[in-house]
PDB file of N, CA and C in Angstrom:
ATOM      1  N   MET A   1       0.846  -1.166   0.000  1.00  0.00           N
ATOM      2  CA  MET A   1       0.000   0.000   0.000  1.00  0.00           C
ATOM      3  C   MET A   1       0.898   1.239   0.000  1.00  0.00           C
ATOM      4  N   SER A   2       0.585   2.181  -0.874  1.00  0.00           N
ATOM      5  CA  SER A   2       1.417   3.382  -0.980  1.00  0.00           C
ATOM      6  C   SER A   2       1.146   4.343   0.178  1.00  0.00           C
ATOM      7  N   ASP A   3       2.093   5.255   0.381  1.00  0.00           N
ATOM      8  CA  ASP A   3       1.942   6.264   1.433  1.00  0.00           C
ATOM      9  C   ASP A   3       0.681   7.093   1.205  1.00  0.00           C
ATOM     10  N   ARG A   4       0.410   7.414  -0.052  1.00  0.00           N
ATOM     11  CA  ARG A   4      -0.774   8.216  -0.399  1.00  0.00           C
ATOM     12  C   ARG A   4      -2.056   7.455  -0.059  1.00  0.00           C
ATOM     13  N   GLU A   5      -2.072   6.146  -0.349  1.00  0.00           N
ATOM     14  CA  GLU A   5      -3.256   5.333  -0.035  1.00  0.00           C
ATOM     15  C   GLU A   5      -3.496   5.276   1.471  1.00  0.00           C
ATOM     16  N   ILE A   6      -2.430   5.171   2.230  1.00  0.00           N
ATOM     17  CA  ILE A   6      -2.553   5.157   3.695  1.00  0.00           C
ATOM     18  C   ILE A   6      -3.153   6.475   4.170  1.00  0.00           C
ATOM     19  N   LEU A   7      -2.618   7.586   3.673  1.00  0.00           N
ATOM     20  CA  LEU A   7      -3.140   8.898   4.052  1.00  0.00           C
ATOM     21  C   LEU A   7      -4.618   9.016   3.682  1.00  0.00           C
ATOM     22  N   GLN A   8      -4.974   8.567   2.487  1.00  0.00           N
ATOM     23  CA  GLN A   8      -6.370   8.668   2.050  1.00  0.00           C
ATOM     24  C   GLN A   8      -7.299   7.835   2.930  1.00  0.00           C
ATOM     25  N   LYS A   9      -6.851   6.658   3.342  1.00  0.00           N
ATOM     26  CA  LYS A   9      -7.680   5.826   4.226  1.00  0.00           C
ATOM     27  C   LYS A   9      -7.877   6.499   5.585  1.00  0.00           C
ATOM     28  N   ILE A  10      -6.835   7.134   6.085  1.00  0.00           N
ATOM     29  CA  ILE A  10      -6.934   7.834   7.368  1.00  0.00           C
ATOM     30  C   ILE A  10      -7.879   9.028   7.241  1.00  0.00           C
ATOM     31  N   ILE A  11      -7.742   9.784   6.161  1.00  0.00           N
ATOM     32  CA  ILE A  11      -8.641  10.918   5.934  1.00  0.00           C
ATOM     33  C   ILE A  11     -10.078  10.431   5.782  1.00  0.00           C
ATOM     34  N   GLN A  12     -10.275   9.326   5.079  1.00  0.00           N
ATOM     35  CA  GLN A  12     -11.621   8.772   4.906  1.00  0.00           C
ATOM     36  C   GLN A  12     -12.214   8.369   6.258  1.00  0.00           C
ATOM     37  N   ALA A  13     -11.413   7.739   7.101  1.00  0.00           N
ATOM     38  CA  ALA A  13     -11.887   7.343   8.435  1.00  0.00           C
ATOM     39  C   ALA A  13     -12.287   8.576   9.244  1.00  0.00           C
ATOM     40  N   LEU A  14     -11.479   9.617   9.171  1.00  0.00           N
ATOM     41  CA  LEU A  14     -11.799  10.871   9.860  1.00  0.00           C
ATOM     42  C   LEU A  14     -13.079  11.489   9.305  1.00  0.00           C
ATOM     43  N   ALA A  15     -13.198  11.510   7.989  1.00  0.00           N
ATOM     44  CA  ALA A  15     -14.373  12.104   7.347  1.00  0.00           C
ATOM     45  C   ALA A  15     -15.648  11.370   7.759  1.00  0.00           C
ATOM     46  N   GLU A  16     -15.577  10.042   7.809  1.00  0.00           N
ATOM     47  CA  GLU A  16     -16.744   9.262   8.233  1.00  0.00           C
ATOM     48  C   GLU A  16     -17.086   9.561   9.689  1.00  0.00           C
ATOM     49  N   TYR A  17     -16.077   9.611  10.525  1.00  0.00           N
ATOM     50  CA  TYR A  17     -16.303   9.868  11.946  1.00  0.00           C
ATOM     51  C   TYR A  17     -16.896  11.262  12.160  1.00  0.00           C
ATOM     52  N   LEU A  18     -16.351  12.240  11.446  1.00  0.00           N
ATOM     53  CA  LEU A  18     -16.777  13.628  11.614  1.00  0.00           C
ATOM     54  C   LEU A  18     -17.973  14.002  10.737  1.00  0.00           C
ATOM     55  N   ARG A  19     -18.348  13.085   9.849  1.00  0.00           N
ATOM     56  CA  ARG A  19     -19.429  13.337   8.878  1.00  0.00           C
ATOM     57  C   ARG A  19     -19.126  14.591   8.059  1.00  0.00           C
ATOM     58  N   ARG A  20     -17.925  14.570   7.498  1.00  0.00           N
ATOM     59  CA  ARG A  20     -17.454  15.676   6.660  1.00  0.00           C
ATOM     60  C   ARG A  20     -16.999  15.138   5.325  1.00  0.00           C
ATOM     61  N   ASP A  21     -16.854  16.026   4.383  1.00  0.00           N
ATOM     62  CA  ASP A  21     -16.306  15.685   3.080  1.00  0.00           C
ATOM     63  C   ASP A  21     -14.800  15.452   3.258  1.00  0.00           C
ATOM     64  N   PRO A  22     -14.282  14.323   2.753  1.00  0.00           N
ATOM     65  CA  PRO A  22     -12.841  14.056   2.898  1.00  0.00           C
ATOM     66  C   PRO A  22     -11.959  15.176   2.340  1.00  0.00           C
ATOM     67  N   SER A  23     -12.433  15.860   1.306  1.00  0.00           N
ATOM     68  CA  SER A  23     -11.618  16.933   0.713  1.00  0.00           C
ATOM     69  C   SER A  23     -11.470  18.136   1.649  1.00  0.00           C
ATOM     70  N   SER A  24     -12.265  18.170   2.724  1.00  0.00           N
ATOM     71  CA  SER A  24     -12.161  19.277   3.682  1.00  0.00           C
ATOM     72  C   SER A  24     -11.142  18.995   4.784  1.00  0.00           C
ATOM     73  N   ILE A  25     -10.488  17.828   4.704  1.00  0.00           N
ATOM     74  CA  ILE A  25      -9.509  17.436   5.726  1.00  0.00           C
ATOM     75  C   ILE A  25      -8.126  17.386   5.091  1.00  0.00           C
ATOM     76  N   ASP A  26      -7.182  18.069   5.695  1.00  0.00           N
ATOM     77  CA  ASP A  26      -5.816  18.145   5.183  1.00  0.00           C
ATOM     78  C   ASP A  26      -4.872  17.428   6.144  1.00  0.00           C
ATOM     79  N   GLU A  27      -3.774  16.914   5.612  1.00  0.00           N
ATOM     80  CA  GLU A  27      -2.834  16.178   6.464  1.00  0.00           C
ATOM     81  C   GLU A  27      -2.153  17.061   7.505  1.00  0.00           C
ATOM     82  N   THR A  28      -2.190  18.369   7.330  1.00  0.00           N
ATOM     83  CA  THR A  28      -1.578  19.271   8.308  1.00  0.00           C
ATOM     84  C   THR A  28      -2.503  19.564   9.490  1.00  0.00           C
ATOM     85  N   PHE A  29      -3.750  19.124   9.408  1.00  0.00           N
ATOM     86  CA  PHE A  29      -4.721  19.432  10.459  1.00  0.00           C
ATOM     87  C   PHE A  29      -4.378  18.739  11.767  1.00  0.00           C
ATOM     88  N   HIS A  30      -4.485  19.499  12.840  1.00  0.00           N
ATOM     89  CA  HIS A  30      -4.308  18.979  14.195  1.00  0.00           C
ATOM     90  C   HIS A  30      -5.614  18.297  14.593  1.00  0.00           C
ATOM     91  N   LEU A  31      -5.508  17.098  15.151  1.00  0.00           N
ATOM     92  CA  LEU A  31      -6.710  16.330  15.482  1.00  0.00           C
ATOM     93  C   LEU A  31      -7.618  17.067  16.461  1.00  0.00           C
ATOM     94  N   ARG A  32      -7.035  17.720  17.440  1.00  0.00           N
ATOM     95  CA  ARG A  32      -7.852  18.423  18.443  1.00  0.00           C
ATOM     96  C   ARG A  32      -8.141  19.863  18.036  1.00  0.00           C
ATOM     97  N   ASP A  33      -7.100  20.612  17.706  1.00  0.00           N
ATOM     98  CA  ASP A  33      -7.271  22.041  17.441  1.00  0.00           C
ATOM     99  C   ASP A  33      -8.056  22.322  16.159  1.00  0.00           C
ATOM    100  N   ASP A  34      -7.754  21.606  15.081  1.00  0.00           N
ATOM    101  CA  ASP A  34      -8.394  21.878  13.791  1.00  0.00           C
ATOM    102  C   ASP A  34      -9.658  21.053  13.558  1.00  0.00           C
ATOM    103  N   LEU A  35      -9.653  19.815  14.040  1.00  0.00           N
ATOM    104  CA  LEU A  35     -10.794  18.934  13.787  1.00  0.00           C
ATOM    105  C   LEU A  35     -11.734  18.817  14.980  1.00  0.00           C
ATOM    106  N   GLY A  36     -11.325  19.359  16.118  1.00  0.00           N
ATOM    107  CA  GLY A  36     -12.200  19.389  17.281  1.00  0.00           C
ATOM    108  C   GLY A  36     -12.397  18.063  17.988  1.00  0.00           C
ATOM    109  N   LEU A  37     -11.471  17.133  17.800  1.00  0.00           N
ATOM    110  CA  LEU A  37     -11.596  15.834  18.461  1.00  0.00           C
ATOM    111  C   LEU A  37     -11.153  15.943  19.919  1.00  0.00           C
ATOM    112  N   ASP A  38     -11.966  15.424  20.819  1.00  0.00           N
ATOM    113  CA  ASP A  38     -11.535  15.357  22.215  1.00  0.00           C
ATOM    114  C   ASP A  38     -10.736  14.067  22.403  1.00  0.00           C
ATOM    115  N   SER A  39     -10.214  13.847  23.594  1.00  0.00           N
ATOM    116  CA  SER A  39      -9.336  12.692  23.815  1.00  0.00           C
ATOM    117  C   SER A  39     -10.056  11.372  23.543  1.00  0.00           C
ATOM    118  N   MET A  40     -11.339  11.272  23.890  1.00  0.00           N
ATOM    119  CA  MET A  40     -12.085  10.043  23.638  1.00  0.00           C
ATOM    120  C   MET A  40     -12.271   9.818  22.134  1.00  0.00           C
ATOM    121  N   ALA A  41     -12.537  10.882  21.397  1.00  0.00           N
ATOM    122  CA  ALA A  41     -12.704  10.771  19.950  1.00  0.00           C
ATOM    123  C   ALA A  41     -11.395  10.351  19.282  1.00  0.00           C
ATOM    124  N   VAL A  42     -10.271  10.863  19.775  1.00  0.00           N
ATOM    125  CA  VAL A  42      -8.966  10.467  19.228  1.00  0.00           C
ATOM    126  C   VAL A  42      -8.746   8.976  19.454  1.00  0.00           C
ATOM    127  N   ILE A  43      -9.073   8.486  20.642  1.00  0.00           N
ATOM    128  CA  ILE A  43      -8.928   7.054  20.947  1.00  0.00           C
ATOM    129  C   ILE A  43      -9.815   6.225  20.019  1.00  0.00           C
ATOM    130  N   GLU A  44     -11.057   6.647  19.816  1.00  0.00           N
ATOM    131  CA  GLU A  44     -11.970   5.927  18.919  1.00  0.00           C
ATOM    132  C   GLU A  44     -11.427   5.903  17.497  1.00  0.00           C
ATOM    133  N   LEU A  45     -10.909   7.035  17.044  1.00  0.00           N
ATOM    134  CA  LEU A  45     -10.340   7.109  15.704  1.00  0.00           C
ATOM    135  C   LEU A  45      -9.143   6.171  15.573  1.00  0.00           C
ATOM    136  N   LEU A  46      -8.255   6.187  16.553  1.00  0.00           N
ATOM    137  CA  LEU A  46      -7.070   5.330  16.493  1.00  0.00           C
ATOM    138  C   LEU A  46      -7.451   3.856  16.549  1.00  0.00           C
ATOM    139  N   TYR A  47      -8.519   3.530  17.262  1.00  0.00           N
ATOM    140  CA  TYR A  47      -9.012   2.149  17.283  1.00  0.00           C
ATOM    141  C   TYR A  47      -9.468   1.745  15.878  1.00  0.00           C
ATOM    142  N   LYS A  48     -10.172   2.641  15.199  1.00  0.00           N
ATOM    143  CA  LYS A  48     -10.621   2.365  13.833  1.00  0.00           C
ATOM    144  C   LYS A  48      -9.417   2.191  12.905  1.00  0.00           C
ATOM    145  N   ILE A  49      -8.390   3.001  13.102  1.00  0.00           N
ATOM    146  CA  ILE A  49      -7.180   2.890  12.286  1.00  0.00           C
ATOM    147  C   ILE A  49      -6.473   1.564  12.562  1.00  0.00           C
ATOM    148  N   GLU A  50      -6.439   1.153  13.826  1.00  0.00           N
ATOM    149  CA  GLU A  50      -5.855  -0.155  14.165  1.00  0.00           C
ATOM    150  C   GLU A  50      -6.581  -1.264  13.414  1.00  0.00           C
ATOM    151  N   GLU A  51      -7.900  -1.206  13.389  1.00  0.00           N
ATOM    152  CA  GLU A  51      -8.687  -2.224  12.681  1.00  0.00           C
ATOM    153  C   GLU A  51      -8.445  -2.163  11.177  1.00  0.00           C
ATOM    154  N   THR A  52      -8.433  -0.966  10.626  1.00  0.00           N
ATOM    155  CA  THR A  52      -8.266  -0.783   9.185  1.00  0.00           C
ATOM    156  C   THR A  52      -6.932  -1.332   8.699  1.00  0.00           C
ATOM    157  N   PHE A  53      -5.871  -1.072   9.457  1.00  0.00           N
ATOM    158  CA  PHE A  53      -4.533  -1.452   9.022  1.00  0.00           C
ATOM    159  C   PHE A  53      -3.994  -2.694   9.733  1.00  0.00           C
ATOM    160  N   ASN A  54      -4.818  -3.311  10.567  1.00  0.00           N
ATOM    161  CA  ASN A  54      -4.446  -4.531  11.275  1.00  0.00           C
ATOM    162  C   ASN A  54      -3.125  -4.363  12.041  1.00  0.00           C
ATOM    163  N   LEU A  55      -3.100  -3.340  12.891  1.00  0.00           N
ATOM    164  CA  LEU A  55      -1.932  -3.125  13.742  1.00  0.00           C
ATOM    165  C   LEU A  55      -2.396  -2.620  15.097  1.00  0.00           C
ATOM    166  N   GLN A  56      -1.503  -2.668  16.062  1.00  0.00           N
ATOM    167  CA  GLN A  56      -1.806  -2.153  17.390  1.00  0.00           C
ATOM    168  C   GLN A  56      -0.927  -0.942  17.660  1.00  0.00           C
ATOM    169  N   ILE A  57      -1.546   0.085  18.226  1.00  0.00           N
ATOM    170  CA  ILE A  57      -0.820   1.300  18.565  1.00  0.00           C
ATOM    171  C   ILE A  57      -0.621   1.314  20.078  1.00  0.00           C
ATOM    172  N   PRO A  58       0.615   1.125  20.539  1.00  0.00           N
ATOM    173  CA  PRO A  58       0.874   1.134  21.986  1.00  0.00           C
ATOM    174  C   PRO A  58       0.544   2.496  22.601  1.00  0.00           C
ATOM    175  N   ASP A  59       0.083   2.476  23.841  1.00  0.00           N
ATOM    176  CA  ASP A  59      -0.292   3.709  24.537  1.00  0.00           C
ATOM    177  C   ASP A  59       0.834   4.740  24.547  1.00  0.00           C
ATOM    178  N   GLN A  60       2.079   4.296  24.662  1.00  0.00           N
ATOM    179  CA  GLN A  60       3.190   5.245  24.732  1.00  0.00           C
ATOM    180  C   GLN A  60       3.392   5.996  23.410  1.00  0.00           C
ATOM    181  N   ASP A  61       2.815   5.500  22.309  1.00  0.00           N
ATOM    182  CA  ASP A  61       2.947   6.183  21.019  1.00  0.00           C
ATOM    183  C   ASP A  61       1.874   7.251  20.804  1.00  0.00           C
ATOM    184  N   LEU A  62       0.810   7.214  21.591  1.00  0.00           N
ATOM    185  CA  LEU A  62      -0.330   8.109  21.386  1.00  0.00           C
ATOM    186  C   LEU A  62       0.006   9.600  21.444  1.00  0.00           C
ATOM    187  N   PRO A  63       0.820  10.072  22.399  1.00  0.00           N
ATOM    188  CA  PRO A  63       1.072  11.519  22.476  1.00  0.00           C
ATOM    189  C   PRO A  63       1.667  12.129  21.202  1.00  0.00           C
ATOM    190  N   ALA A  64       2.383  11.358  20.418  1.00  0.00           N
ATOM    191  CA  ALA A  64       3.007  11.883  19.201  1.00  0.00           C
ATOM    192  C   ALA A  64       2.028  11.983  18.032  1.00  0.00           C
ATOM    193  N   LEU A  65       0.874  11.361  18.163  1.00  0.00           N
ATOM    194  CA  LEU A  65      -0.083  11.319  17.057  1.00  0.00           C
ATOM    195  C   LEU A  65      -1.062  12.487  17.172  1.00  0.00           C
ATOM    196  N   THR A  66      -0.588  13.665  16.816  1.00  0.00           N
ATOM    197  CA  THR A  66      -1.375  14.884  17.022  1.00  0.00           C
ATOM    198  C   THR A  66      -1.990  15.450  15.750  1.00  0.00           C
ATOM    199  N   THR A  67      -1.421  15.118  14.595  1.00  0.00           N
ATOM    200  CA  THR A  67      -1.953  15.628  13.332  1.00  0.00           C
ATOM    201  C   THR A  67      -2.315  14.470  12.416  1.00  0.00           C
ATOM    202  N   VAL A  68      -3.096  14.775  11.390  1.00  0.00           N
ATOM    203  CA  VAL A  68      -3.457  13.757  10.400  1.00  0.00           C
ATOM    204  C   VAL A  68      -2.180  13.204   9.771  1.00  0.00           C
ATOM    205  N   GLY A  69      -1.247  14.079   9.440  1.00  0.00           N
ATOM    206  CA  GLY A  69       0.018  13.661   8.834  1.00  0.00           C
ATOM    207  C   GLY A  69       0.859  12.801   9.760  1.00  0.00           C
ATOM    208  N   ALA A  70       0.860  13.123  11.053  1.00  0.00           N
ATOM    209  CA  ALA A  70       1.624  12.328  12.024  1.00  0.00           C
ATOM    210  C   ALA A  70       1.050  10.920  12.138  1.00  0.00           C
ATOM    211  N   VAL A  71      -0.270  10.816  12.123  1.00  0.00           N
ATOM    212  CA  VAL A  71      -0.909   9.494  12.173  1.00  0.00           C
ATOM    213  C   VAL A  71      -0.552   8.714  10.917  1.00  0.00           C
ATOM    214  N   SER A  72      -0.620   9.362   9.771  1.00  0.00           N
ATOM    215  CA  SER A  72      -0.294   8.709   8.506  1.00  0.00           C
ATOM    216  C   SER A  72       1.162   8.239   8.482  1.00  0.00           C
ATOM    217  N   ALA A  73       2.088   9.104   8.886  1.00  0.00           N
ATOM    218  CA  ALA A  73       3.511   8.738   8.905  1.00  0.00           C
ATOM    219  C   ALA A  73       3.757   7.574   9.855  1.00  0.00           C
ATOM    220  N   TYR A  74       3.076   7.581  10.992  1.00  0.00           N
ATOM    221  CA  TYR A  74       3.216   6.500  11.968  1.00  0.00           C
ATOM    222  C   TYR A  74       2.762   5.172  11.361  1.00  0.00           C
ATOM    223  N   VAL A  75       1.597   5.185  10.720  1.00  0.00           N
ATOM    224  CA  VAL A  75       1.074   3.957  10.103  1.00  0.00           C
ATOM    225  C   VAL A  75       2.006   3.501   8.983  1.00  0.00           C
ATOM    226  N   GLN A  76       2.493   4.438   8.168  1.00  0.00           N
ATOM    227  CA  GLN A  76       3.422   4.088   7.091  1.00  0.00           C
ATOM    228  C   GLN A  76       4.652   3.385   7.649  1.00  0.00           C
ATOM    229  N   LYS A  77       5.190   3.940   8.718  1.00  0.00           N
ATOM    230  CA  LYS A  77       6.390   3.358   9.337  1.00  0.00           C
ATOM    231  C   LYS A  77       6.101   1.960   9.870  1.00  0.00           C
ATOM    232  N   ARG A  78       4.955   1.797  10.511  1.00  0.00           N
ATOM    233  CA  ARG A  78       4.600   0.501  11.090  1.00  0.00           C
ATOM    234  C   ARG A  78       4.324  -0.557  10.025  1.00  0.00           C
ATOM    235  N   LEU A  79       3.811  -0.127   8.862  1.00  0.00           N
ATOM    236  CA  LEU A  79       3.491  -1.077   7.799  1.00  0.00           C
ATOM    237  C   LEU A  79       4.666  -1.355   6.875  1.00  0.00           C
ATOM    238  N   ALA A  80       5.698  -0.524   6.943  1.00  0.00           N
ATOM    239  CA  ALA A  80       6.846  -0.681   6.048  1.00  0.00           C
ATOM    240  C   ALA A  80       7.553  -2.001   6.332  1.00  0.00           C
ATOM    241  N   PRO A  81       7.880  -2.743   5.273  1.00  0.00           N
ATOM    242  CA  PRO A  81       8.638  -3.979   5.488  1.00  0.00           C
ATOM    243  C   PRO A  81      10.041  -3.647   5.975  1.00  0.00           C
ATOM    244  N   GLN A  82      10.628  -4.591   6.690  1.00  0.00           N
ATOM    245  CA  GLN A  82      11.993  -4.373   7.177  1.00  0.00           C
ATOM    246  C   GLN A  82      12.913  -4.210   5.983  1.00  0.00           C
ATOM    247  N   LYS A  83      13.782  -3.242   6.053  1.00  0.00           N
ATOM    248  CA  LYS A  83      14.685  -2.965   4.942  1.00  0.00           C
ATOM    249  C   LYS A  83      15.654  -4.135   4.740  1.00  0.00           C
ATOM    250  N   PRO A  84      15.898  -4.501   3.469  1.00  0.00           N
ATOM    251  CA  PRO A  84      16.817  -5.612   3.191  1.00  0.00           C
ATOM    252  C   PRO A  84      18.191  -5.414   3.811  1.00  0.00           C
ATOM    253  N   ALA A  85      18.694  -4.194   3.831  1.00  0.00           N
ATOM    254  CA  ALA A  85      20.022  -3.942   4.407  1.00  0.00           C
ATOM    255  C   ALA A  85      20.040  -4.309   5.882  1.00  0.00           C
ATOM    256  N   ALA A  86      18.984  -3.985   6.586  1.00  0.00           N
ATOM    257  CA  ALA A  86      18.909  -4.318   8.011  1.00  0.00           C
ATOM    258  C   ALA A  86      18.858  -5.828   8.192  1.00  0.00           C
ATOM    259  N   SER A  87      18.102  -6.504   7.341  1.00  0.00           N
ATOM    260  CA  SER A  87      18.017  -7.963   7.416  1.00  0.00           C
ATOM    261  C   SER A  87      19.373  -8.593   7.138  1.00  0.00           C
ATOM    262  N   ALA A  88      20.079  -8.059   6.153  1.00  0.00           N
ATOM    263  CA  ALA A  88      21.395  -8.591   5.810  1.00  0.00           C
ATOM    264  C   ALA A  88      22.375  -8.396   6.964  1.00  0.00           C
ATOM    265  N   LYS A  89      22.319  -7.237   7.620  1.00  0.00           N
ATOM    266  CA  LYS A  89      23.208  -6.985   8.757  1.00  0.00           C
ATOM    267  C   LYS A  89      22.917  -7.958   9.894  1.00  0.00           C
ATOM    268  N   LEU A  90      21.636  -8.210  10.147  1.00  0.00           N
ATOM    269  CA  LEU A  90      21.275  -9.149  11.206  1.00  0.00           C
ATOM    270  C   LEU A  90      21.765 -10.559  10.873  1.00  0.00           C
ATOM    271  N   ALA A  91      21.583 -10.959   9.627  1.00  0.00           N
ATOM    272  CA  ALA A  91      22.024 -12.291   9.216  1.00  0.00           C
ATOM    273  C   ALA A  91      23.541 -12.410   9.327  1.00  0.00           C
ATOM    274  N   LYS A  92      24.262 -11.365   8.910  1.00  0.00           N
ATOM    275  CA  LYS A  92      25.720 -11.379   8.982  1.00  0.00           C
ATOM    276  C   LYS A  92      26.174 -11.438  10.437  1.00  0.00           C
ATOM    277  N   ALA A  93      25.527 -10.678  11.304  1.00  0.00           N
ATOM    278  CA  ALA A  93      25.884 -10.680  12.723  1.00  0.00           C
ATOM    279  C   ALA A  93      25.663 -12.062  13.327  1.00  0.00           C
ATOM    280  N   ALA A  94      24.578 -12.711  12.958  1.00  0.00           N
ATOM    281  CA  ALA A  94      24.285 -14.048  13.479  1.00  0.00           C
ATOM    282  C   ALA A  94      25.321 -15.049  12.986  1.00  0.00           C
ATOM    283  N   THR A  95      25.702 -14.947  11.707  1.00  0.00           N
ATOM    284  CA  THR A  95      26.698 -15.854  11.139  1.00  0.00           C
ATOM    285  C   THR A  95      28.052 -15.636  11.801  1.00  0.00           C
ATOM    286  N   THR A  96      28.441 -14.383  11.977  1.00  0.00           N
ATOM    287  CA  THR A  96      29.714 -14.049  12.614  1.00  0.00           C
ATOM    288  C   THR A  96      29.741 -14.569  14.046  1.00  0.00           C
ATOM    289  N   SER A  97      28.636 -14.422  14.740  1.00  0.00           N
ATOM    290  CA  SER A  97      28.534 -14.884  16.123  1.00  0.00           C
ATOM    291  C   SER A  97      28.707 -16.397  16.202  1.00  0.00           C
ATOM    292  N   LYS A  98      28.110 -17.125  15.259  1.00  0.00           N
ATOM    293  CA  LYS A  98      28.211 -18.589  15.246  1.00  0.00           C
ATOM    294  C   LYS A  98      29.645 -19.027  14.973  1.00  0.00           C
ATOM    295  N   LYS A  99      30.343 -18.310  14.064  1.00  0.00           N
ATOM    296  CA  LYS A  99      31.722 -18.664  13.729  1.00  0.00           C
ATOM    297  C   LYS A  99      32.636 -18.473  14.933  1.00  0.00           C
ATOM    298  N   LYS A 100      32.398 -17.423  15.715  1.00  0.00           N
ATOM    299  CA  LYS A 100      33.235 -17.151  16.881  1.00  0.00           C
ATOM    300  C   LYS A 100      33.072 -18.236  17.931  1.00  0.00           C
ATOM    301  N   LYS A 101      31.860 -18.785  18.054  1.00  0.00           N
ATOM    302  CA  LYS A 101      31.592 -19.814  19.054  1.00  0.00           C
ATOM    303  C   LYS A 101      32.226 -21.145  18.672  1.00  0.00           C
ATOM    304  N   ALA A 102      32.386 -21.385  17.378  1.00  0.00           N
ATOM    305  CA  ALA A 102      32.895 -22.672  16.908  1.00  0.00           C
ATOM    306  C   ALA A 102      34.368 -22.843  17.108  1.00  0.00           C
TER     307      ALA A 102
END
């Protein structure tokens, strides 16, 4: 799923919750200040996003999710596959560790 598709799904979820036209919601909007969501509404929205993208958002991550764009970037990061370079480094470290033990 592309970054744009993720953003559009988040905007659509917000639009449905707020009963607004999706085109009236911008990624720069603050969830509370611009969209008028109270803390309970933010939790409900994030629950819907968890269901939509099949992921769990730990409580410690919630304070950083203040704008539509921040929520989108967070979901993008969580859905991104592990980079091949990181996987290769882990595999090399494991192989090196095994050689040292032998």
